[in-house]
PDB file of N, CA and C in Angstrom:
ATOM      1  N   MET A   1       2.027   9.656  17.434  1.00  0.00           N
ATOM      2  CA  MET A   1       1.725  10.192  16.118  1.00  0.00           C
ATOM      3  C   MET A   1       0.332   9.733  15.706  1.00  0.00           C
ATOM      4  N   ALA A   2      -0.451  10.636  15.192  1.00  0.00           N
ATOM      5  CA  ALA A   2      -1.817  10.341  14.780  1.00  0.00           C
ATOM      6  C   ALA A   2      -1.834   9.593  13.453  1.00  0.00           C
ATOM      7  N   ASN A   3      -2.861   8.777  13.274  1.00  0.00           N
ATOM      8  CA  ASN A   3      -3.073   8.085  12.003  1.00  0.00           C
ATOM      9  C   ASN A   3      -4.135   8.811  11.203  1.00  0.00           C
ATOM     10  N   THR A   4      -4.006   8.775   9.884  1.00  0.00           N
ATOM     11  CA  THR A   4      -5.046   9.279   9.012  1.00  0.00           C
ATOM     12  C   THR A   4      -5.831   8.078   8.516  1.00  0.00           C
ATOM     13  N   VAL A   5      -7.124   8.032   8.816  1.00  0.00           N
ATOM     14  CA  VAL A   5      -7.955   6.888   8.441  1.00  0.00           C
ATOM     15  C   VAL A   5      -8.917   7.318   7.340  1.00  0.00           C
ATOM     16  N   ILE A   6      -8.870   6.586   6.222  1.00  0.00           N
ATOM     17  CA  ILE A   6      -9.832   6.779   5.130  1.00  0.00           C
ATOM     18  C   ILE A   6     -10.942   5.766   5.393  1.00  0.00           C
ATOM     19  N   GLY A   7     -12.080   6.232   5.877  1.00  0.00           N
ATOM     20  CA  GLY A   7     -13.174   5.358   6.297  1.00  0.00           C
ATOM     21  C   GLY A   7     -13.752   4.511   5.177  1.00  0.00           C
ATOM     22  N   SER A   8     -14.494   3.477   5.555  1.00  0.00           N
ATOM     23  CA  SER A   8     -14.988   2.484   4.602  1.00  0.00           C
ATOM     24  C   SER A   8     -15.958   3.058   3.569  1.00  0.00           C
ATOM     25  N   SER A   9     -16.648   4.154   3.872  1.00  0.00           N
ATOM     26  CA  SER A   9     -17.585   4.727   2.903  1.00  0.00           C
ATOM     27  C   SER A   9     -16.976   5.899   2.124  1.00  0.00           C
ATOM     28  N   ILE A  10     -15.692   6.174   2.347  1.00  0.00           N
ATOM     29  CA  ILE A  10     -15.023   7.313   1.711  1.00  0.00           C
ATOM     30  C   ILE A  10     -14.363   6.887   0.409  1.00  0.00           C
ATOM     31  N   VAL A  11     -14.520   7.717  -0.633  1.00  0.00           N
ATOM     32  CA  VAL A  11     -13.825   7.528  -1.908  1.00  0.00           C
ATOM     33  C   VAL A  11     -13.032   8.796  -2.175  1.00  0.00           C
ATOM     34  N   ILE A  12     -11.723   8.655  -2.346  1.00  0.00           N
ATOM     35  CA  ILE A  12     -10.861   9.797  -2.649  1.00  0.00           C
ATOM     36  C   ILE A  12     -10.294   9.607  -4.041  1.00  0.00           C
ATOM     37  N   ASP A  13     -10.429  10.636  -4.863  1.00  0.00           N
ATOM     38  CA  ASP A  13      -9.859  10.624  -6.205  1.00  0.00           C
ATOM     39  C   ASP A  13      -8.870  11.778  -6.254  1.00  0.00           C
ATOM     40  N   GLY A  14      -7.581  11.465  -6.121  1.00  0.00           N
ATOM     41  CA  GLY A  14      -6.577  12.516  -6.092  1.00  0.00           C
ATOM     42  C   GLY A  14      -5.305  12.033  -5.437  1.00  0.00           C
ATOM     43  N   GLU A  15      -4.584  12.956  -4.793  1.00  0.00           N
ATOM     44  CA  GLU A  15      -3.291  12.634  -4.210  1.00  0.00           C
ATOM     45  C   GLU A  15      -3.311  12.877  -2.708  1.00  0.00           C
ATOM     46  N   ILE A  16      -2.731  11.911  -1.968  1.00  0.00           N
ATOM     47  CA  ILE A  16      -2.577  12.050  -0.526  1.00  0.00           C
ATOM     48  C   ILE A  16      -1.084  12.101  -0.246  1.00  0.00           C
ATOM     49  N   SER A  17      -0.654  13.129   0.487  1.00  0.00           N
ATOM     50  CA  SER A  17       0.757  13.217   0.861  1.00  0.00           C
ATOM     51  C   SER A  17       0.838  13.750   2.279  1.00  0.00           C
ATOM     52  N   GLY A  18       1.938  13.421   2.962  1.00  0.00           N
ATOM     53  CA  GLY A  18       2.099  13.909   4.325  1.00  0.00           C
ATOM     54  C   GLY A  18       3.098  13.098   5.108  1.00  0.00           C
ATOM     55  N   ASP A  19       3.094  13.333   6.436  1.00  0.00           N
ATOM     56  CA  ASP A  19       4.066  12.711   7.327  1.00  0.00           C
ATOM     57  C   ASP A  19       3.420  11.821   8.375  1.00  0.00           C
ATOM     58  N   GLU A  20       2.170  11.412   8.165  1.00  0.00           N
ATOM     59  CA  GLU A  20       1.473  10.554   9.120  1.00  0.00           C
ATOM     60  C   GLU A  20       1.179   9.205   8.478  1.00  0.00           C
ATOM     61  N   PRO A  21       1.052   8.155   9.310  1.00  0.00           N
ATOM     62  CA  PRO A  21       0.613   6.865   8.772  1.00  0.00           C
ATOM     63  C   PRO A  21      -0.794   6.995   8.184  1.00  0.00           C
ATOM     64  N   VAL A  22      -1.064   6.251   7.112  1.00  0.00           N
ATOM     65  CA  VAL A  22      -2.374   6.271   6.458  1.00  0.00           C
ATOM     66  C   VAL A  22      -2.977   4.879   6.534  1.00  0.00           C
ATOM     67  N   ILE A  23      -4.227   4.797   6.992  1.00  0.00           N
ATOM     68  CA  ILE A  23      -4.972   3.539   7.040  1.00  0.00           C
ATOM     69  C   ILE A  23      -6.128   3.670   6.063  1.00  0.00           C
ATOM     70  N   VAL A  24      -6.170   2.767   5.072  1.00  0.00           N
ATOM     71  CA  VAL A  24      -7.208   2.836   4.039  1.00  0.00           C
ATOM     72  C   VAL A  24      -8.231   1.735   4.293  1.00  0.00           C
ATOM     73  N   GLN A  25      -9.470   2.155   4.604  1.00  0.00           N
ATOM     74  CA  GLN A  25     -10.584   1.225   4.751  1.00  0.00           C
ATOM     75  C   GLN A  25     -11.555   1.389   3.589  1.00  0.00           C
ATOM     76  N   GLY A  26     -11.467   2.517   2.902  1.00  0.00           N
ATOM     77  CA  GLY A  26     -12.345   2.823   1.780  1.00  0.00           C
ATOM     78  C   GLY A  26     -11.616   2.668   0.456  1.00  0.00           C
ATOM     79  N   THR A  27     -11.819   3.650  -0.445  1.00  0.00           N
ATOM     80  CA  THR A  27     -11.247   3.591  -1.794  1.00  0.00           C
ATOM     81  C   THR A  27     -10.427   4.839  -2.074  1.00  0.00           C
ATOM     82  N   VAL A  28      -9.224   4.649  -2.602  1.00  0.00           N
ATOM     83  CA  VAL A  28      -8.377   5.762  -3.024  1.00  0.00           C
ATOM     84  C   VAL A  28      -7.958   5.512  -4.463  1.00  0.00           C
ATOM     85  N   LYS A  29      -8.206   6.514  -5.318  1.00  0.00           N
ATOM     86  CA  LYS A  29      -7.775   6.464  -6.713  1.00  0.00           C
ATOM     87  C   LYS A  29      -6.821   7.629  -6.925  1.00  0.00           C
ATOM     88  N   GLY A  30      -5.630   7.348  -7.441  1.00  0.00           N
ATOM     89  CA  GLY A  30      -4.674   8.432  -7.666  1.00  0.00           C
ATOM     90  C   GLY A  30      -3.297   8.078  -7.169  1.00  0.00           C
ATOM     91  N   ARG A  31      -2.881   8.697  -6.039  1.00  0.00           N
ATOM     92  CA  ARG A  31      -1.524   8.493  -5.546  1.00  0.00           C
ATOM     93  C   ARG A  31      -1.474   8.737  -4.047  1.00  0.00           C
ATOM     94  N   ILE A  32      -0.677   7.911  -3.347  1.00  0.00           N
ATOM     95  CA  ILE A  32      -0.409   8.118  -1.926  1.00  0.00           C
ATOM     96  C   ILE A  32       1.106   8.202  -1.772  1.00  0.00           C
ATOM     97  N   ALA A  33       1.586   9.287  -1.198  1.00  0.00           N
ATOM     98  CA  ALA A  33       3.019   9.459  -0.945  1.00  0.00           C
ATOM     99  C   ALA A  33       3.184  10.024   0.456  1.00  0.00           C
ATOM    100  N   VAL A  34       3.570   9.164   1.399  1.00  0.00           N
ATOM    101  CA  VAL A  34       3.758   9.589   2.783  1.00  0.00           C
ATOM    102  C   VAL A  34       5.115   9.097   3.288  1.00  0.00           C
ATOM    103  N   SER A  35       5.610   9.745   4.336  1.00  0.00           N
ATOM    104  CA  SER A  35       6.907   9.341   4.892  1.00  0.00           C
ATOM    105  C   SER A  35       6.760   8.215   5.912  1.00  0.00           C
ATOM    106  N   GLU A  36       5.540   7.928   6.325  1.00  0.00           N
ATOM    107  CA  GLU A  36       5.280   6.865   7.298  1.00  0.00           C
ATOM    108  C   GLU A  36       4.667   5.648   6.594  1.00  0.00           C
ATOM    109  N   SER A  37       3.985   4.798   7.353  1.00  0.00           N
ATOM    110  CA  SER A  37       3.427   3.551   6.837  1.00  0.00           C
ATOM    111  C   SER A  37       2.076   3.752   6.162  1.00  0.00           C
ATOM    112  N   VAL A  38       1.767   2.834   5.243  1.00  0.00           N
ATOM    113  CA  VAL A  38       0.451   2.783   4.602  1.00  0.00           C
ATOM    114  C   VAL A  38      -0.125   1.401   4.872  1.00  0.00           C
ATOM    115  N   TYR A  39      -1.329   1.356   5.429  1.00  0.00           N
ATOM    116  CA  TYR A  39      -2.026   0.104   5.716  1.00  0.00           C
ATOM    117  C   TYR A  39      -3.295   0.065   4.876  1.00  0.00           C
ATOM    118  N   VAL A  40      -3.451  -0.971   4.070  1.00  0.00           N
ATOM    119  CA  VAL A  40      -4.682  -1.161   3.303  1.00  0.00           C
ATOM    120  C   VAL A  40      -5.421  -2.305   3.980  1.00  0.00           C
ATOM    121  N   GLU A  41      -6.506  -1.979   4.676  1.00  0.00           N
ATOM    122  CA  GLU A  41      -7.248  -2.996   5.413  1.00  0.00           C
ATOM    123  C   GLU A  41      -8.056  -3.865   4.451  1.00  0.00           C
ATOM    124  N   ASN A  42      -8.623  -4.968   4.970  1.00  0.00           N
ATOM    125  CA  ASN A  42      -9.284  -5.966   4.126  1.00  0.00           C
ATOM    126  C   ASN A  42     -10.335  -5.380   3.188  1.00  0.00           C
ATOM    127  N   ALA A  43     -11.099  -4.403   3.636  1.00  0.00           N
ATOM    128  CA  ALA A  43     -12.140  -3.806   2.802  1.00  0.00           C
ATOM    129  C   ALA A  43     -11.604  -2.661   1.945  1.00  0.00           C
ATOM    130  N   GLY A  44     -10.334  -2.292   2.125  1.00  0.00           N
ATOM    131  CA  GLY A  44      -9.745  -1.164   1.408  1.00  0.00           C
ATOM    132  C   GLY A  44      -9.399  -1.498  -0.032  1.00  0.00           C
ATOM    133  N   THR A  45      -9.537  -0.485  -0.897  1.00  0.00           N
ATOM    134  CA  THR A  45      -9.200  -0.631  -2.308  1.00  0.00           C
ATOM    135  C   THR A  45      -8.364   0.564  -2.750  1.00  0.00           C
ATOM    136  N   LEU A  46      -7.215   0.277  -3.355  1.00  0.00           N
ATOM    137  CA  LEU A  46      -6.377   1.326  -3.923  1.00  0.00           C
ATOM    138  C   LEU A  46      -6.250   1.112  -5.413  1.00  0.00           C
ATOM    139  N   GLU A  47      -6.541   2.144  -6.168  1.00  0.00           N
ATOM    140  CA  GLU A  47      -6.205   2.185  -7.587  1.00  0.00           C
ATOM    141  C   GLU A  47      -5.220   3.337  -7.681  1.00  0.00           C
ATOM    142  N   ALA A  48      -4.023   3.093  -7.144  1.00  0.00           N
ATOM    143  CA  ALA A  48      -3.090   4.191  -6.946  1.00  0.00           C
ATOM    144  C   ALA A  48      -1.665   3.672  -6.848  1.00  0.00           C
ATOM    145  N   ASP A  49      -0.718   4.543  -7.169  1.00  0.00           N
ATOM    146  CA  ASP A  49       0.679   4.275  -6.870  1.00  0.00           C
ATOM    147  C   ASP A  49       0.903   4.695  -5.419  1.00  0.00           C
ATOM    148  N   VAL A  50       1.698   3.904  -4.701  1.00  0.00           N
ATOM    149  CA  VAL A  50       1.886   4.124  -3.273  1.00  0.00           C
ATOM    150  C   VAL A  50       3.374   4.233  -2.962  1.00  0.00           C
ATOM    151  N   GLU A  51       3.731   5.257  -2.172  1.00  0.00           N
ATOM    152  CA  GLU A  51       5.086   5.397  -1.647  1.00  0.00           C
ATOM    153  C   GLU A  51       4.978   5.606  -0.148  1.00  0.00           C
ATOM    154  N   GLY A  52       5.785   4.854   0.610  1.00  0.00           N
ATOM    155  CA  GLY A  52       5.772   5.007   2.057  1.00  0.00           C
ATOM    156  C   GLY A  52       6.964   4.313   2.673  1.00  0.00           C
ATOM    157  N   ASP A  53       7.063   4.420   3.990  1.00  0.00           N
ATOM    158  CA  ASP A  53       8.150   3.749   4.699  1.00  0.00           C
ATOM    159  C   ASP A  53       7.935   2.240   4.634  1.00  0.00           C
ATOM    160  N   SER A  54       6.732   1.798   4.993  1.00  0.00           N
ATOM    161  CA  SER A  54       6.345   0.402   4.822  1.00  0.00           C
ATOM    162  C   SER A  54       4.901   0.377   4.335  1.00  0.00           C
ATOM    163  N   VAL A  55       4.560  -0.684   3.599  1.00  0.00           N
ATOM    164  CA  VAL A  55       3.209  -0.809   3.047  1.00  0.00           C
ATOM    165  C   VAL A  55       2.697  -2.201   3.382  1.00  0.00           C
ATOM    166  N   GLU A  56       1.503  -2.243   3.992  1.00  0.00           N
ATOM    167  CA  GLU A  56       0.870  -3.496   4.378  1.00  0.00           C
ATOM    168  C   GLU A  56      -0.453  -3.603   3.637  1.00  0.00           C
ATOM    169  N   ILE A  57      -0.645  -4.713   2.896  1.00  0.00           N
ATOM    170  CA  ILE A  57      -1.815  -4.854   2.032  1.00  0.00           C
ATOM    171  C   ILE A  57      -2.674  -6.017   2.510  1.00  0.00           C
ATOM    172  N   GLY A  58      -3.864  -5.689   2.977  1.00  0.00           N
ATOM    173  CA  GLY A  58      -4.838  -6.708   3.346  1.00  0.00           C
ATOM    174  C   GLY A  58      -6.025  -6.683   2.408  1.00  0.00           C
ATOM    175  N   GLY A  59      -6.162  -5.588   1.657  1.00  0.00           N
ATOM    176  CA  GLY A  59      -7.253  -5.423   0.707  1.00  0.00           C
ATOM    177  C   GLY A  59      -6.760  -5.592  -0.720  1.00  0.00           C
ATOM    178  N   THR A  60      -7.221  -4.711  -1.612  1.00  0.00           N
ATOM    179  CA  THR A  60      -6.895  -4.809  -3.029  1.00  0.00           C
ATOM    180  C   THR A  60      -6.121  -3.572  -3.465  1.00  0.00           C
ATOM    181  N   VAL A  61      -4.982  -3.791  -4.126  1.00  0.00           N
ATOM    182  CA  VAL A  61      -4.169  -2.690  -4.647  1.00  0.00           C
ATOM    183  C   VAL A  61      -3.890  -2.936  -6.118  1.00  0.00           C
ATOM    184  N   THR A  62      -4.221  -1.944  -6.932  1.00  0.00           N
ATOM    185  CA  THR A  62      -3.856  -1.947  -8.341  1.00  0.00           C
ATOM    186  C   THR A  62      -2.983  -0.720  -8.556  1.00  0.00           C
ATOM    187  N   GLY A  63      -1.689  -0.940  -8.760  1.00  0.00           N
ATOM    188  CA  GLY A  63      -0.744   0.165  -8.900  1.00  0.00           C
ATOM    189  C   GLY A  63       0.613  -0.256  -8.390  1.00  0.00           C
ATOM    190  N   ASN A  64       1.586   0.589  -8.564  1.00  0.00           N
ATOM    191  CA  ASN A  64       2.948   0.296  -8.153  1.00  0.00           C
ATOM    192  C   ASN A  64       3.179   0.733  -6.710  1.00  0.00           C
ATOM    193  N   VAL A  65       3.940  -0.073  -5.970  1.00  0.00           N
ATOM    194  CA  VAL A  65       4.204   0.195  -4.561  1.00  0.00           C
ATOM    195  C   VAL A  65       5.708   0.331  -4.351  1.00  0.00           C
ATOM    196  N   THR A  66       6.118   1.432  -3.729  1.00  0.00           N
ATOM    197  CA  THR A  66       7.521   1.652  -3.375  1.00  0.00           C
ATOM    198  C   THR A  66       7.586   1.877  -1.870  1.00  0.00           C
ATOM    199  N   ALA A  67       8.417   1.065  -1.179  1.00  0.00           N
ATOM    200  CA  ALA A  67       8.555   1.198   0.267  1.00  0.00           C
ATOM    201  C   ALA A  67      10.028   1.226   0.634  1.00  0.00           C
ATOM    202  N   ARG A  68      10.374   2.105   1.581  1.00  0.00           N
ATOM    203  CA  ARG A  68      11.769   2.216   2.011  1.00  0.00           C
ATOM    204  C   ARG A  68      12.212   1.022   2.851  1.00  0.00           C
ATOM    205  N   THR A  69      11.303   0.411   3.639  1.00  0.00           N
ATOM    206  CA  THR A  69      11.714  -0.692   4.505  1.00  0.00           C
ATOM    207  C   THR A  69      11.125  -2.039   4.077  1.00  0.00           C
ATOM    208  N   ARG A  70       9.777  -2.124   3.914  1.00  0.00           N
ATOM    209  CA  ARG A  70       9.194  -3.424   3.580  1.00  0.00           C
ATOM    210  C   ARG A  70       7.791  -3.295   3.013  1.00  0.00           C
ATOM    211  N   VAL A  71       7.404  -4.333   2.253  1.00  0.00           N
ATOM    212  CA  VAL A  71       6.043  -4.483   1.742  1.00  0.00           C
ATOM    213  C   VAL A  71       5.544  -5.837   2.206  1.00  0.00           C
ATOM    214  N   GLU A  72       4.327  -5.857   2.749  1.00  0.00           N
ATOM    215  CA  GLU A  72       3.721  -7.121   3.164  1.00  0.00           C
ATOM    216  C   GLU A  72       2.357  -7.257   2.509  1.00  0.00           C
ATOM    217  N   ILE A  73       2.155  -8.370   1.789  1.00  0.00           N
ATOM    218  CA  ILE A  73       0.846  -8.694   1.225  1.00  0.00           C
ATOM    219  C   ILE A  73       0.293  -9.822   2.077  1.00  0.00           C
ATOM    220  N   LYS A  74      -0.760  -9.526   2.803  1.00  0.00           N
ATOM    221  CA  LYS A  74      -1.336 -10.494   3.741  1.00  0.00           C
ATOM    222  C   LYS A  74      -2.131 -11.566   2.983  1.00  0.00           C
ATOM    223  N   ALA A  75      -2.531 -12.620   3.698  1.00  0.00           N
ATOM    224  CA  ALA A  75      -3.203 -13.767   3.076  1.00  0.00           C
ATOM    225  C   ALA A  75      -4.449 -13.365   2.300  1.00  0.00           C
ATOM    226  N   GLU A  76      -5.173 -12.344   2.789  1.00  0.00           N
ATOM    227  CA  GLU A  76      -6.389 -11.925   2.101  1.00  0.00           C
ATOM    228  C   GLU A  76      -6.125 -10.788   1.109  1.00  0.00           C
ATOM    229  N   GLY A  77      -4.872 -10.381   0.958  1.00  0.00           N
ATOM    230  CA  GLY A  77      -4.515  -9.261   0.090  1.00  0.00           C
ATOM    231  C   GLY A  77      -4.403  -9.649  -1.381  1.00  0.00           C
ATOM    232  N   LYS A  78      -4.689  -8.669  -2.241  1.00  0.00           N
ATOM    233  CA  LYS A  78      -4.561  -8.842  -3.686  1.00  0.00           C
ATOM    234  C   LYS A  78      -3.820  -7.641  -4.237  1.00  0.00           C
ATOM    235  N   MET A  79      -2.803  -7.883  -5.050  1.00  0.00           N
ATOM    236  CA  MET A  79      -2.059  -6.774  -5.633  1.00  0.00           C
ATOM    237  C   MET A  79      -1.709  -7.060  -7.084  1.00  0.00           C
ATOM    238  N   VAL A  80      -1.956  -6.060  -7.939  1.00  0.00           N
ATOM    239  CA  VAL A  80      -1.525  -6.094  -9.334  1.00  0.00           C
ATOM    240  C   VAL A  80      -0.688  -4.847  -9.554  1.00  0.00           C
ATOM    241  N   GLY A  81       0.604  -5.039  -9.802  1.00  0.00           N
ATOM    242  CA  GLY A  81       1.514  -3.919  -9.997  1.00  0.00           C
ATOM    243  C   GLY A  81       2.913  -4.316  -9.571  1.00  0.00           C
ATOM    244  N   ASP A  82       3.825  -3.396  -9.699  1.00  0.00           N
ATOM    245  CA  ASP A  82       5.218  -3.660  -9.383  1.00  0.00           C
ATOM    246  C   ASP A  82       5.548  -3.207  -7.964  1.00  0.00           C
ATOM    247  N   VAL A  83       6.449  -3.949  -7.316  1.00  0.00           N
ATOM    248  CA  VAL A  83       6.881  -3.649  -5.953  1.00  0.00           C
ATOM    249  C   VAL A  83       8.365  -3.318  -5.978  1.00  0.00           C
ATOM    250  N   LYS A  84       8.730  -2.223  -5.304  1.00  0.00           N
ATOM    251  CA  LYS A  84      10.135  -1.869  -5.138  1.00  0.00           C
ATOM    252  C   LYS A  84      10.370  -1.645  -3.656  1.00  0.00           C
ATOM    253  N   SER A  85      11.131  -2.563  -3.038  1.00  0.00           N
ATOM    254  CA  SER A  85      11.383  -2.504  -1.608  1.00  0.00           C
ATOM    255  C   SER A  85      12.523  -3.461  -1.272  1.00  0.00           C
ATOM    256  N   PRO A  86      13.327  -3.138  -0.240  1.00  0.00           N
ATOM    257  CA  PRO A  86      14.405  -4.055   0.126  1.00  0.00           C
ATOM    258  C   PRO A  86      13.902  -5.364   0.738  1.00  0.00           C
ATOM    259  N   ARG A  87      12.683  -5.365   1.311  1.00  0.00           N
ATOM    260  CA  ARG A  87      12.114  -6.581   1.889  1.00  0.00           C
ATOM    261  C   ARG A  87      10.661  -6.710   1.454  1.00  0.00           C
ATOM    262  N   ILE A  88      10.255  -7.953   1.111  1.00  0.00           N
ATOM    263  CA  ILE A  88       8.859  -8.197   0.751  1.00  0.00           C
ATOM    264  C   ILE A  88       8.412  -9.517   1.345  1.00  0.00           C
ATOM    265  N   LEU A  89       7.191  -9.525   1.849  1.00  0.00           N
ATOM    266  CA  LEU A  89       6.595 -10.719   2.411  1.00  0.00           C
ATOM    267  C   LEU A  89       5.256 -10.935   1.722  1.00  0.00           C
ATOM    268  N   ILE A  90       5.096 -12.100   1.112  1.00  0.00           N
ATOM    269  CA  ILE A  90       3.829 -12.454   0.472  1.00  0.00           C
ATOM    270  C   ILE A  90       3.300 -13.681   1.206  1.00  0.00           C
ATOM    271  N   ALA A  91       2.200 -13.501   1.913  1.00  0.00           N
ATOM    272  CA  ALA A  91       1.636 -14.577   2.726  1.00  0.00           C
ATOM    273  C   ALA A  91       1.005 -15.649   1.850  1.00  0.00           C
ATOM    274  N   ASP A  92       0.946 -16.858   2.397  1.00  0.00           N
ATOM    275  CA  ASP A  92       0.271 -17.956   1.725  1.00  0.00           C
ATOM    276  C   ASP A  92      -1.197 -17.589   1.540  1.00  0.00           C
ATOM    277  N   GLY A  93      -1.684 -17.664   0.318  1.00  0.00           N
ATOM    278  CA  GLY A  93      -3.067 -17.299   0.014  1.00  0.00           C
ATOM    279  C   GLY A  93      -3.209 -15.930  -0.621  1.00  0.00           C
ATOM    280  N   ALA A  94      -2.172 -15.103  -0.543  1.00  0.00           N
ATOM    281  CA  ALA A  94      -2.221 -13.775  -1.167  1.00  0.00           C
ATOM    282  C   ALA A  94      -2.159 -13.907  -2.681  1.00  0.00           C
ATOM    283  N   LEU A  95      -2.723 -12.926  -3.384  1.00  0.00           N
ATOM    284  CA  LEU A  95      -2.651 -12.888  -4.843  1.00  0.00           C
ATOM    285  C   LEU A  95      -1.740 -11.743  -5.253  1.00  0.00           C
ATOM    286  N   PHE A  96      -0.774 -12.028  -6.124  1.00  0.00           N
ATOM    287  CA  PHE A  96       0.163 -11.002  -6.595  1.00  0.00           C
ATOM    288  C   PHE A  96       0.471 -11.228  -8.059  1.00  0.00           C
ATOM    289  N   LYS A  97       0.371 -10.151  -8.838  1.00  0.00           N
ATOM    290  CA  LYS A  97       0.765 -10.201 -10.241  1.00  0.00           C
ATOM    291  C   LYS A  97       1.566  -8.942 -10.524  1.00  0.00           C
ATOM    292  N   GLY A  98       2.837  -9.124 -10.874  1.00  0.00           N
ATOM    293  CA  GLY A  98       3.693  -7.974 -11.140  1.00  0.00           C
ATOM    294  C   GLY A  98       5.149  -8.359 -10.994  1.00  0.00           C
ATOM    295  N   ASN A  99       5.995  -7.363 -10.905  1.00  0.00           N
ATOM    296  CA  ASN A  99       7.429  -7.555 -10.773  1.00  0.00           C
ATOM    297  C   ASN A  99       7.882  -7.063  -9.407  1.00  0.00           C
ATOM    298  N   ILE A 100       8.984  -7.661  -8.920  1.00  0.00           N
ATOM    299  CA  ILE A 100       9.550  -7.267  -7.639  1.00  0.00           C
ATOM    300  C   ILE A 100      10.989  -6.811  -7.872  1.00  0.00           C
ATOM    301  N   ASP A 101      11.333  -5.617  -7.345  1.00  0.00           N
ATOM    302  CA  ASP A 101      12.689  -5.089  -7.422  1.00  0.00           C
ATOM    303  C   ASP A 101      13.167  -4.882  -5.993  1.00  0.00           C
ATOM    304  N   MET A 102      14.106  -5.735  -5.558  1.00  0.00           N
ATOM    305  CA  MET A 102      14.643  -5.626  -4.194  1.00  0.00           C
ATOM    306  C   MET A 102      16.010  -4.969  -4.185  1.00  0.00           C
ATOM    307  N   ASP A 103      16.475  -4.503  -5.316  1.00  0.00           N
ATOM    308  CA  ASP A 103      17.787  -3.874  -5.431  1.00  0.00           C
ATOM    309  C   ASP A 103      17.669  -2.391  -5.074  1.00  0.00           C
ATOM    310  N   VAL A 104      17.433  -2.137  -3.786  1.00  0.00           N
ATOM    311  CA  VAL A 104      17.194  -0.795  -3.292  1.00  0.00           C
ATOM    312  C   VAL A 104      18.283  -0.456  -2.288  1.00  0.00           C
ATOM    313  N   GLU A 105      18.878   0.734  -2.411  1.00  0.00           N
ATOM    314  CA  GLU A 105      19.885   1.135  -1.432  1.00  0.00           C
ATOM    315  C   GLU A 105      19.239   1.316  -0.074  1.00  0.00           C
ATOM    316  N   ARG A 106      19.912   0.820   0.948  1.00  0.00           N
ATOM    317  CA  ARG A 106      19.342   0.904   2.310  1.00  0.00           C
ATOM    318  C   ARG A 106      19.750   2.180   2.985  1.00  0.00           C
TER     319      ARG A 106
END
């Protein structure tokens, strides 16, 4: 399966939806709703609500995140917003401000 990569110099203002994994190296403002994984790399910035199978945050996310399987905020990741997922991992050194709801039907 192919990945959709938002390059480091790309800024998207709008909605991304689809059935492929999304890798964010640039900036997305708006909304991401995909059936696969969302990866926010260290230089990536999201000012968006995110829905996906799993969400991995190495960059900066401002918005609510909903994942069917898991959310991971890596050591260099920063997130402000609410998380809804059955599993969440927040690495030592990560910054998180928001609420966590793990009461999700599997």
